[in-house]
Amino acid sequence: MASGSFLLATVSLAFLCSSLTFHNVKADLIGDFCSTVRDPSFCNKALRSDRRSAKADVRGLGQIALDKAIASAKTTLKLAKELGNGELPSTCAEVCSDAIDNLNECQGLLRGNDKESLNVEASAALDDLATCDDEYGAKEPTNLKNASQTTQGLISIILAVSNRL
């Protein structure tokens, strides 16, 4: 009888410990993941601000970052178009549009687990946005620069996801 109680207590304790360990690993996924990107603070803020992140795995975090990156790239495109029809705004609008196309390609690649192609498309989107920043240089309007930098930060999260799949 005593050995049966001891066995039940041991099994219960083992189950409790494994449950707590799993919970702590899951709860710390965002912090661990964000420590691998160029701006951990931005990553933490971006991912934790989405309610889906609480139950997300790495792929789910990638989807959150991708959704936010597409929305942010659309905002950047809108800001570029509002600057008029000159050479710089036109170039910036064109590369922002290309970035959106590349990010849209990432949707299927993330779901399909094609990490190499995901990395290529996300890198292309990052380069597109950097082109806008480079074209303007120091003359880039602050709101456009901020929008572009936000989008680039989100894309860096996608790149980190592609490396963890």
N, C-alpha and C. Protein backbone atom coordinates (compact mmCIF):
# COMPACT_ATOMS: atom_id res chain seq x y z
N MET A 1 0.82 -1.19 0.00
CA MET A 1 0.00 0.00 0.00
C MET A 1 0.87 1.25 0.00
N ALA A 2 1.90 1.27 0.85
CA ALA A 2 2.78 2.43 0.93
C ALA A 2 3.54 2.61 -0.37
N SER A 3 3.95 1.50 -1.00
CA SER A 3 4.69 1.62 -2.25
C SER A 3 3.78 2.14 -3.36
N GLY A 4 2.50 1.81 -3.33
CA GLY A 4 1.55 2.32 -4.32
C GLY A 4 1.36 3.82 -4.17
N SER A 5 1.29 4.31 -2.95
CA SER A 5 1.17 5.75 -2.70
C SER A 5 2.43 6.48 -3.13
N PHE A 6 3.57 5.85 -2.84
CA PHE A 6 4.85 6.46 -3.22
C PHE A 6 4.95 6.55 -4.75
N LEU A 7 4.55 5.49 -5.44
CA LEU A 7 4.60 5.47 -6.90
C LEU A 7 3.67 6.54 -7.47
N LEU A 8 2.48 6.65 -6.94
CA LEU A 8 1.53 7.67 -7.40
C LEU A 8 2.07 9.07 -7.15
N ALA A 9 2.66 9.30 -6.00
CA ALA A 9 3.24 10.61 -5.69
C ALA A 9 4.40 10.91 -6.63
N THR A 10 5.24 9.93 -6.91
CA THR A 10 6.39 10.12 -7.80
C THR A 10 5.93 10.44 -9.22
N VAL A 11 4.96 9.70 -9.73
CA VAL A 11 4.44 9.94 -11.08
C VAL A 11 3.78 11.32 -11.14
N SER A 12 3.03 11.67 -10.13
CA SER A 12 2.38 12.99 -10.10
C SER A 12 3.40 14.11 -10.09
N LEU A 13 4.44 13.95 -9.30
CA LEU A 13 5.50 14.96 -9.22
C LEU A 13 6.23 15.08 -10.56
N ALA A 14 6.51 13.96 -11.20
CA ALA A 14 7.19 13.98 -12.50
C ALA A 14 6.32 14.69 -13.53
N PHE A 15 5.03 14.40 -13.53
CA PHE A 15 4.11 15.05 -14.47
C PHE A 15 4.06 16.56 -14.22
N LEU A 16 3.98 16.94 -12.97
CA LEU A 16 3.93 18.36 -12.62
C LEU A 16 5.20 19.08 -13.06
N CYS A 17 6.35 18.48 -12.82
CA CYS A 17 7.62 19.10 -13.21
C CYS A 17 7.72 19.24 -14.72
N SER A 18 7.31 18.21 -15.46
CA SER A 18 7.40 18.30 -16.92
C SER A 18 6.41 19.33 -17.45
N SER A 19 5.25 19.45 -16.84
CA SER A 19 4.28 20.46 -17.26
C SER A 19 4.81 21.87 -17.03
N LEU A 20 5.43 22.09 -15.88
CA LEU A 20 5.99 23.40 -15.58
C LEU A 20 7.14 23.73 -16.52
N THR A 21 7.97 22.75 -16.82
CA THR A 21 9.09 22.97 -17.73
C THR A 21 8.58 23.35 -19.10
N PHE A 22 7.59 22.62 -19.61
CA PHE A 22 7.03 22.93 -20.93
C PHE A 22 6.43 24.33 -20.93
N HIS A 23 5.70 24.69 -19.90
CA HIS A 23 5.09 26.01 -19.83
C HIS A 23 6.15 27.11 -19.84
N ASN A 24 7.21 26.94 -19.09
CA ASN A 24 8.26 27.95 -19.04
C ASN A 24 8.97 28.10 -20.38
N VAL A 25 9.20 26.99 -21.07
CA VAL A 25 9.84 27.05 -22.38
C VAL A 25 8.94 27.82 -23.34
N LYS A 26 7.65 27.51 -23.35
CA LYS A 26 6.71 28.18 -24.24
C LYS A 26 6.61 29.66 -23.91
N ALA A 27 6.55 30.00 -22.64
CA ALA A 27 6.41 31.40 -22.24
C ALA A 27 7.65 32.20 -22.59
N ASP A 28 8.80 31.55 -22.68
CA ASP A 28 10.04 32.26 -22.93
C ASP A 28 10.43 32.24 -24.41
N LEU A 29 9.61 31.64 -25.27
CA LEU A 29 9.95 31.51 -26.69
C LEU A 29 10.21 32.87 -27.33
N ILE A 30 9.37 33.85 -27.08
CA ILE A 30 9.55 35.17 -27.71
C ILE A 30 10.86 35.80 -27.25
N GLY A 31 11.12 35.77 -25.96
CA GLY A 31 12.37 36.34 -25.45
C GLY A 31 13.59 35.65 -26.02
N ASP A 32 13.56 34.32 -26.05
CA ASP A 32 14.69 33.56 -26.61
C ASP A 32 14.84 33.86 -28.09
N PHE A 33 13.73 33.85 -28.80
CA PHE A 33 13.76 34.09 -30.24
C PHE A 33 14.26 35.51 -30.54
N CYS A 34 13.70 36.49 -29.84
CA CYS A 34 14.06 37.89 -30.12
C CYS A 34 15.51 38.20 -29.78
N SER A 35 16.12 37.40 -28.92
CA SER A 35 17.53 37.64 -28.60
C SER A 35 18.44 37.36 -29.79
N THR A 36 17.90 36.73 -30.84
CA THR A 36 18.71 36.40 -32.02
C THR A 36 18.60 37.42 -33.14
N VAL A 37 17.77 38.45 -32.99
CA VAL A 37 17.61 39.43 -34.07
C VAL A 37 18.40 40.70 -33.77
N ARG A 38 18.50 41.57 -34.77
CA ARG A 38 19.37 42.75 -34.62
C ARG A 38 18.84 43.76 -33.60
N ASP A 39 17.52 43.78 -33.36
CA ASP A 39 16.94 44.70 -32.38
C ASP A 39 15.97 43.93 -31.48
N PRO A 40 16.50 43.26 -30.45
CA PRO A 40 15.65 42.44 -29.59
C PRO A 40 14.48 43.20 -28.95
N SER A 41 14.69 44.45 -28.58
CA SER A 41 13.63 45.23 -27.95
C SER A 41 12.47 45.45 -28.93
N PHE A 42 12.79 45.83 -30.16
CA PHE A 42 11.77 46.01 -31.19
C PHE A 42 11.03 44.70 -31.44
N CYS A 43 11.78 43.61 -31.55
CA CYS A 43 11.19 42.29 -31.79
C CYS A 43 10.21 41.92 -30.69
N ASN A 44 10.63 42.06 -29.45
CA ASN A 44 9.75 41.75 -28.31
C ASN A 44 8.48 42.57 -28.35
N LYS A 45 8.63 43.86 -28.59
CA LYS A 45 7.47 44.75 -28.63
C LYS A 45 6.53 44.38 -29.78
N ALA A 46 7.10 44.14 -30.95
CA ALA A 46 6.29 43.82 -32.13
C ALA A 46 5.53 42.51 -31.95
N LEU A 47 6.19 41.50 -31.45
CA LEU A 47 5.54 40.19 -31.32
C LEU A 47 4.58 40.14 -30.14
N ARG A 48 4.98 40.69 -29.01
CA ARG A 48 4.12 40.63 -27.83
C ARG A 48 2.87 41.50 -27.96
N SER A 49 2.89 42.46 -28.87
CA SER A 49 1.72 43.32 -29.05
C SER A 49 0.59 42.61 -29.79
N ASP A 50 0.86 41.44 -30.33
CA ASP A 50 -0.15 40.68 -31.05
C ASP A 50 -0.63 39.54 -30.17
N ARG A 51 -1.93 39.46 -29.96
CA ARG A 51 -2.47 38.45 -29.04
C ARG A 51 -2.20 37.02 -29.51
N ARG A 52 -1.96 36.83 -30.79
CA ARG A 52 -1.67 35.48 -31.31
C ARG A 52 -0.33 34.95 -30.80
N SER A 53 0.55 35.84 -30.37
CA SER A 53 1.90 35.42 -29.98
C SER A 53 1.90 34.54 -28.73
N ALA A 54 0.90 34.66 -27.90
CA ALA A 54 0.87 33.89 -26.65
C ALA A 54 0.88 32.39 -26.90
N LYS A 55 0.27 31.96 -28.01
CA LYS A 55 0.19 30.52 -28.30
C LYS A 55 0.98 30.14 -29.54
N ALA A 56 1.82 31.03 -30.03
CA ALA A 56 2.52 30.79 -31.29
C ALA A 56 3.80 29.99 -31.10
N ASP A 57 4.09 29.18 -32.11
CA ASP A 57 5.41 28.56 -32.21
C ASP A 57 6.26 29.48 -33.09
N VAL A 58 7.44 29.05 -33.48
CA VAL A 58 8.32 29.91 -34.27
C VAL A 58 7.65 30.29 -35.59
N ARG A 59 7.02 29.33 -36.26
CA ARG A 59 6.33 29.61 -37.51
C ARG A 59 5.20 30.64 -37.28
N GLY A 60 4.50 30.50 -36.18
CA GLY A 60 3.44 31.45 -35.85
C GLY A 60 3.98 32.84 -35.61
N LEU A 61 5.14 32.93 -34.96
CA LEU A 61 5.78 34.24 -34.77
C LEU A 61 6.16 34.83 -36.12
N GLY A 62 6.60 33.97 -37.04
CA GLY A 62 6.92 34.43 -38.39
C GLY A 62 5.69 34.97 -39.09
N GLN A 63 4.55 34.31 -38.91
CA GLN A 63 3.31 34.78 -39.54
C GLN A 63 2.90 36.14 -38.97
N ILE A 64 3.06 36.30 -37.68
CA ILE A 64 2.75 37.59 -37.05
C ILE A 64 3.65 38.67 -37.63
N ALA A 65 4.94 38.41 -37.69
CA ALA A 65 5.89 39.39 -38.24
C ALA A 65 5.58 39.67 -39.71
N LEU A 66 5.22 38.64 -40.46
CA LEU A 66 4.91 38.82 -41.88
C LEU A 66 3.66 39.67 -42.06
N ASP A 67 2.62 39.39 -41.31
CA ASP A 67 1.40 40.20 -41.39
C ASP A 67 1.70 41.66 -41.09
N LYS A 68 2.48 41.88 -40.04
CA LYS A 68 2.83 43.25 -39.66
C LYS A 68 3.74 43.90 -40.70
N ALA A 69 4.65 43.13 -41.29
CA ALA A 69 5.57 43.67 -42.29
C ALA A 69 4.81 44.10 -43.55
N ILE A 70 3.85 43.30 -43.97
CA ILE A 70 3.06 43.66 -45.16
C ILE A 70 2.28 44.94 -44.89
N ALA A 71 1.63 45.02 -43.74
CA ALA A 71 0.88 46.24 -43.39
C ALA A 71 1.80 47.45 -43.32
N SER A 72 2.97 47.27 -42.73
CA SER A 72 3.92 48.36 -42.60
C SER A 72 4.48 48.78 -43.96
N ALA A 73 4.74 47.82 -44.83
CA ALA A 73 5.23 48.13 -46.18
C ALA A 73 4.17 48.91 -46.97
N LYS A 74 2.91 48.56 -46.77
CA LYS A 74 1.82 49.30 -47.43
C LYS A 74 1.76 50.74 -46.93
N THR A 75 1.98 50.93 -45.65
CA THR A 75 2.04 52.29 -45.09
C THR A 75 3.21 53.05 -45.68
N THR A 76 4.35 52.39 -45.79
CA THR A 76 5.54 53.03 -46.37
C THR A 76 5.28 53.42 -47.82
N LEU A 77 4.64 52.54 -48.57
CA LEU A 77 4.29 52.84 -49.96
C LEU A 77 3.37 54.05 -50.04
N LYS A 78 2.37 54.09 -49.19
CA LYS A 78 1.44 55.22 -49.18
C LYS A 78 2.18 56.53 -48.90
N LEU A 79 3.08 56.51 -47.93
CA LEU A 79 3.85 57.71 -47.61
C LEU A 79 4.73 58.13 -48.79
N ALA A 80 5.33 57.17 -49.47
CA ALA A 80 6.17 57.48 -50.63
C ALA A 80 5.35 58.13 -51.73
N LYS A 81 4.15 57.60 -51.96
CA LYS A 81 3.28 58.15 -53.01
C LYS A 81 2.82 59.56 -52.67
N GLU A 82 2.64 59.84 -51.39
CA GLU A 82 2.19 61.17 -50.96
C GLU A 82 3.26 62.24 -51.19
N LEU A 83 4.49 61.83 -51.44
CA LEU A 83 5.58 62.79 -51.64
C LEU A 83 5.63 63.34 -53.06
N GLY A 84 4.76 62.86 -53.92
CA GLY A 84 4.68 63.42 -55.26
C GLY A 84 5.21 62.48 -56.32
N ASN A 85 5.45 63.07 -57.52
CA ASN A 85 5.83 62.27 -58.67
C ASN A 85 7.28 62.43 -59.08
N GLY A 86 8.09 63.04 -58.26
CA GLY A 86 9.50 63.23 -58.60
C GLY A 86 10.24 61.90 -58.68
N GLU A 87 11.50 61.98 -59.05
CA GLU A 87 12.31 60.78 -59.22
C GLU A 87 12.46 59.99 -57.91
N LEU A 88 12.77 60.68 -56.83
CA LEU A 88 12.95 59.98 -55.55
C LEU A 88 11.66 59.33 -55.05
N PRO A 89 10.54 60.08 -55.00
CA PRO A 89 9.31 59.43 -54.55
C PRO A 89 8.89 58.27 -55.45
N SER A 90 9.10 58.43 -56.76
CA SER A 90 8.72 57.36 -57.70
C SER A 90 9.57 56.11 -57.49
N THR A 91 10.87 56.31 -57.32
CA THR A 91 11.76 55.17 -57.07
C THR A 91 11.38 54.49 -55.77
N CYS A 92 11.13 55.29 -54.75
CA CYS A 92 10.78 54.73 -53.45
C CYS A 92 9.46 53.96 -53.53
N ALA A 93 8.47 54.53 -54.21
CA ALA A 93 7.18 53.85 -54.36
C ALA A 93 7.35 52.53 -55.12
N GLU A 94 8.18 52.55 -56.14
CA GLU A 94 8.41 51.33 -56.94
C GLU A 94 9.04 50.23 -56.10
N VAL A 95 10.08 50.57 -55.34
CA VAL A 95 10.74 49.54 -54.54
C VAL A 95 9.88 49.09 -53.36
N CYS A 96 9.04 49.98 -52.84
CA CYS A 96 8.10 49.58 -51.78
C CYS A 96 7.08 48.58 -52.33
N SER A 97 6.62 48.84 -53.54
CA SER A 97 5.70 47.93 -54.20
C SER A 97 6.36 46.57 -54.43
N ASP A 98 7.62 46.59 -54.84
CA ASP A 98 8.38 45.34 -55.01
C ASP A 98 8.51 44.61 -53.68
N ALA A 99 8.76 45.36 -52.61
CA ALA A 99 8.88 44.74 -51.29
C ALA A 99 7.58 44.06 -50.88
N ILE A 100 6.46 44.71 -51.16
CA ILE A 100 5.15 44.12 -50.85
C ILE A 100 4.97 42.82 -51.63
N ASP A 101 5.33 42.84 -52.91
CA ASP A 101 5.23 41.61 -53.72
C ASP A 101 6.09 40.50 -53.12
N ASN A 102 7.30 40.84 -52.73
CA ASN A 102 8.19 39.84 -52.13
C ASN A 102 7.63 39.31 -50.82
N LEU A 103 7.08 40.19 -50.01
CA LEU A 103 6.49 39.76 -48.73
C LEU A 103 5.27 38.88 -48.96
N ASN A 104 4.47 39.21 -49.97
CA ASN A 104 3.32 38.36 -50.28
C ASN A 104 3.78 36.97 -50.71
N GLU A 105 4.89 36.89 -51.42
CA GLU A 105 5.46 35.58 -51.78
C GLU A 105 5.86 34.80 -50.54
N CYS A 106 6.27 35.50 -49.51
CA CYS A 106 6.69 34.84 -48.27
C CYS A 106 5.55 34.08 -47.61
N GLN A 107 4.31 34.50 -47.84
CA GLN A 107 3.16 33.85 -47.20
C GLN A 107 3.16 32.34 -47.45
N GLY A 108 3.17 31.96 -48.71
CA GLY A 108 3.15 30.54 -49.04
C GLY A 108 4.42 29.82 -48.64
N LEU A 109 5.53 30.52 -48.73
CA LEU A 109 6.82 29.91 -48.39
C LEU A 109 6.90 29.59 -46.90
N LEU A 110 6.35 30.46 -46.08
CA LEU A 110 6.34 30.23 -44.64
C LEU A 110 5.46 29.02 -44.31
N ARG A 111 4.29 28.96 -44.94
CA ARG A 111 3.39 27.82 -44.70
C ARG A 111 3.99 26.52 -45.24
N GLY A 112 4.71 26.62 -46.36
CA GLY A 112 5.26 25.44 -47.00
C GLY A 112 6.61 24.99 -46.47
N ASN A 113 7.14 25.71 -45.52
CA ASN A 113 8.41 25.34 -44.89
C ASN A 113 9.60 25.40 -45.86
N ASP A 114 9.52 26.28 -46.86
CA ASP A 114 10.63 26.46 -47.81
C ASP A 114 11.51 27.58 -47.28
N LYS A 115 12.37 27.23 -46.33
CA LYS A 115 13.13 28.26 -45.63
C LYS A 115 14.14 28.97 -46.51
N GLU A 116 14.71 28.29 -47.49
CA GLU A 116 15.68 28.95 -48.36
C GLU A 116 15.01 30.02 -49.22
N SER A 117 13.88 29.67 -49.83
CA SER A 117 13.16 30.64 -50.66
C SER A 117 12.57 31.76 -49.80
N LEU A 118 12.13 31.42 -48.60
CA LEU A 118 11.63 32.43 -47.67
C LEU A 118 12.73 33.43 -47.36
N ASN A 119 13.92 32.93 -47.12
CA ASN A 119 15.06 33.80 -46.84
C ASN A 119 15.37 34.70 -48.03
N VAL A 120 15.32 34.15 -49.24
CA VAL A 120 15.60 34.93 -50.46
C VAL A 120 14.57 36.04 -50.64
N GLU A 121 13.29 35.70 -50.52
CA GLU A 121 12.23 36.69 -50.73
C GLU A 121 12.24 37.77 -49.65
N ALA A 122 12.44 37.37 -48.40
CA ALA A 122 12.49 38.35 -47.32
C ALA A 122 13.71 39.26 -47.47
N SER A 123 14.83 38.68 -47.86
CA SER A 123 16.04 39.49 -48.09
C SER A 123 15.83 40.48 -49.23
N ALA A 124 15.14 40.04 -50.27
CA ALA A 124 14.84 40.95 -51.39
C ALA A 124 13.96 42.10 -50.93
N ALA A 125 12.97 41.81 -50.09
CA ALA A 125 12.10 42.87 -49.56
C ALA A 125 12.91 43.85 -48.72
N LEU A 126 13.82 43.32 -47.93
CA LEU A 126 14.69 44.16 -47.10
C LEU A 126 15.55 45.06 -47.97
N ASP A 127 16.12 44.50 -49.02
CA ASP A 127 16.94 45.28 -49.95
C ASP A 127 16.12 46.36 -50.65
N ASP A 128 14.87 46.02 -51.02
CA ASP A 128 14.01 47.00 -51.67
C ASP A 128 13.82 48.23 -50.79
N LEU A 129 13.50 47.99 -49.54
CA LEU A 129 13.27 49.12 -48.63
C LEU A 129 14.55 49.89 -48.35
N ALA A 130 15.66 49.20 -48.26
CA ALA A 130 16.95 49.88 -48.07
C ALA A 130 17.28 50.76 -49.26
N THR A 131 16.83 50.35 -50.45
CA THR A 131 17.05 51.17 -51.65
C THR A 131 16.36 52.51 -51.51
N CYS A 132 15.15 52.52 -50.99
CA CYS A 132 14.43 53.77 -50.77
C CYS A 132 15.23 54.67 -49.83
N ASP A 133 15.68 54.11 -48.72
CA ASP A 133 16.47 54.88 -47.75
C ASP A 133 17.75 55.41 -48.38
N ASP A 134 18.41 54.56 -49.16
CA ASP A 134 19.68 54.96 -49.79
C ASP A 134 19.47 56.06 -50.82
N GLU A 135 18.40 55.97 -51.59
CA GLU A 135 18.13 56.98 -52.62
C GLU A 135 17.94 58.37 -52.00
N TYR A 136 17.20 58.41 -50.91
CA TYR A 136 16.96 59.70 -50.24
C TYR A 136 18.18 60.16 -49.45
N GLY A 137 18.88 59.22 -48.86
CA GLY A 137 20.01 59.59 -48.01
C GLY A 137 19.55 60.45 -46.85
N ALA A 138 20.30 61.49 -46.55
CA ALA A 138 19.99 62.37 -45.42
C ALA A 138 18.73 63.21 -45.66
N LYS A 139 18.26 63.27 -46.90
CA LYS A 139 17.08 64.07 -47.23
C LYS A 139 15.77 63.31 -47.05
N GLU A 140 15.84 62.07 -46.61
CA GLU A 140 14.62 61.27 -46.48
C GLU A 140 13.70 61.88 -45.42
N PRO A 141 12.43 62.11 -45.77
CA PRO A 141 11.48 62.63 -44.78
C PRO A 141 11.39 61.68 -43.57
N THR A 142 11.30 62.26 -42.41
CA THR A 142 11.32 61.47 -41.17
C THR A 142 10.24 60.41 -41.12
N ASN A 143 9.01 60.77 -41.52
CA ASN A 143 7.92 59.78 -41.44
C ASN A 143 8.17 58.61 -42.38
N LEU A 144 8.74 58.87 -43.56
CA LEU A 144 9.05 57.81 -44.50
C LEU A 144 10.19 56.94 -43.96
N LYS A 145 11.20 57.57 -43.42
CA LYS A 145 12.34 56.83 -42.86
C LYS A 145 11.88 55.94 -41.70
N ASN A 146 11.04 56.47 -40.82
CA ASN A 146 10.55 55.69 -39.69
C ASN A 146 9.72 54.49 -40.15
N ALA A 147 8.85 54.73 -41.14
CA ALA A 147 8.02 53.64 -41.66
C ALA A 147 8.89 52.57 -42.30
N SER A 148 9.87 53.00 -43.07
CA SER A 148 10.78 52.06 -43.73
C SER A 148 11.58 51.26 -42.70
N GLN A 149 12.07 51.92 -41.67
CA GLN A 149 12.86 51.24 -40.63
C GLN A 149 12.00 50.24 -39.86
N THR A 150 10.74 50.59 -39.61
CA THR A 150 9.84 49.66 -38.93
C THR A 150 9.64 48.42 -39.78
N THR A 151 9.39 48.63 -41.07
CA THR A 151 9.19 47.49 -41.96
C THR A 151 10.45 46.63 -42.01
N GLN A 152 11.61 47.26 -42.09
CA GLN A 152 12.87 46.50 -42.13
C GLN A 152 13.08 45.71 -40.84
N GLY A 153 12.69 46.29 -39.71
CA GLY A 153 12.79 45.56 -38.44
C GLY A 153 11.91 44.32 -38.43
N LEU A 154 10.71 44.46 -38.98
CA LEU A 154 9.79 43.32 -39.05
C LEU A 154 10.32 42.25 -40.00
N ILE A 155 10.92 42.68 -41.09
CA ILE A 155 11.49 41.72 -42.04
C ILE A 155 12.67 40.99 -41.40
N SER A 156 13.42 41.67 -40.55
CA SER A 156 14.54 40.99 -39.88
C SER A 156 14.02 39.87 -38.98
N ILE A 157 12.83 40.03 -38.44
CA ILE A 157 12.21 38.97 -37.65
C ILE A 157 11.88 37.78 -38.55
N ILE A 158 11.35 38.07 -39.74
CA ILE A 158 11.03 37.00 -40.70
C ILE A 158 12.31 36.23 -41.07
N LEU A 159 13.39 36.96 -41.29
CA LEU A 159 14.66 36.31 -41.62
C LEU A 159 15.14 35.41 -40.48
N ALA A 160 14.96 35.87 -39.26
CA ALA A 160 15.34 35.04 -38.11
C ALA A 160 14.48 33.78 -38.05
N VAL A 161 13.20 33.92 -38.38
CA VAL A 161 12.31 32.75 -38.42
C VAL A 161 12.80 31.76 -39.48
N SER A 162 13.14 32.27 -40.66
CA SER A 162 13.58 31.36 -41.73
C SER A 162 14.82 30.58 -41.32
N ASN A 163 15.63 31.16 -40.48
CA ASN A 163 16.83 30.46 -40.00
C ASN A 163 16.53 29.46 -38.89
N ARG A 164 15.33 29.54 -38.31
CA ARG A 164 14.97 28.62 -37.20
C ARG A 164 14.01 27.53 -37.62
N LEU A 165 13.54 27.59 -38.86
CA LEU A 165 12.60 26.54 -39.31
C LEU A 165 13.31 25.22 -39.52
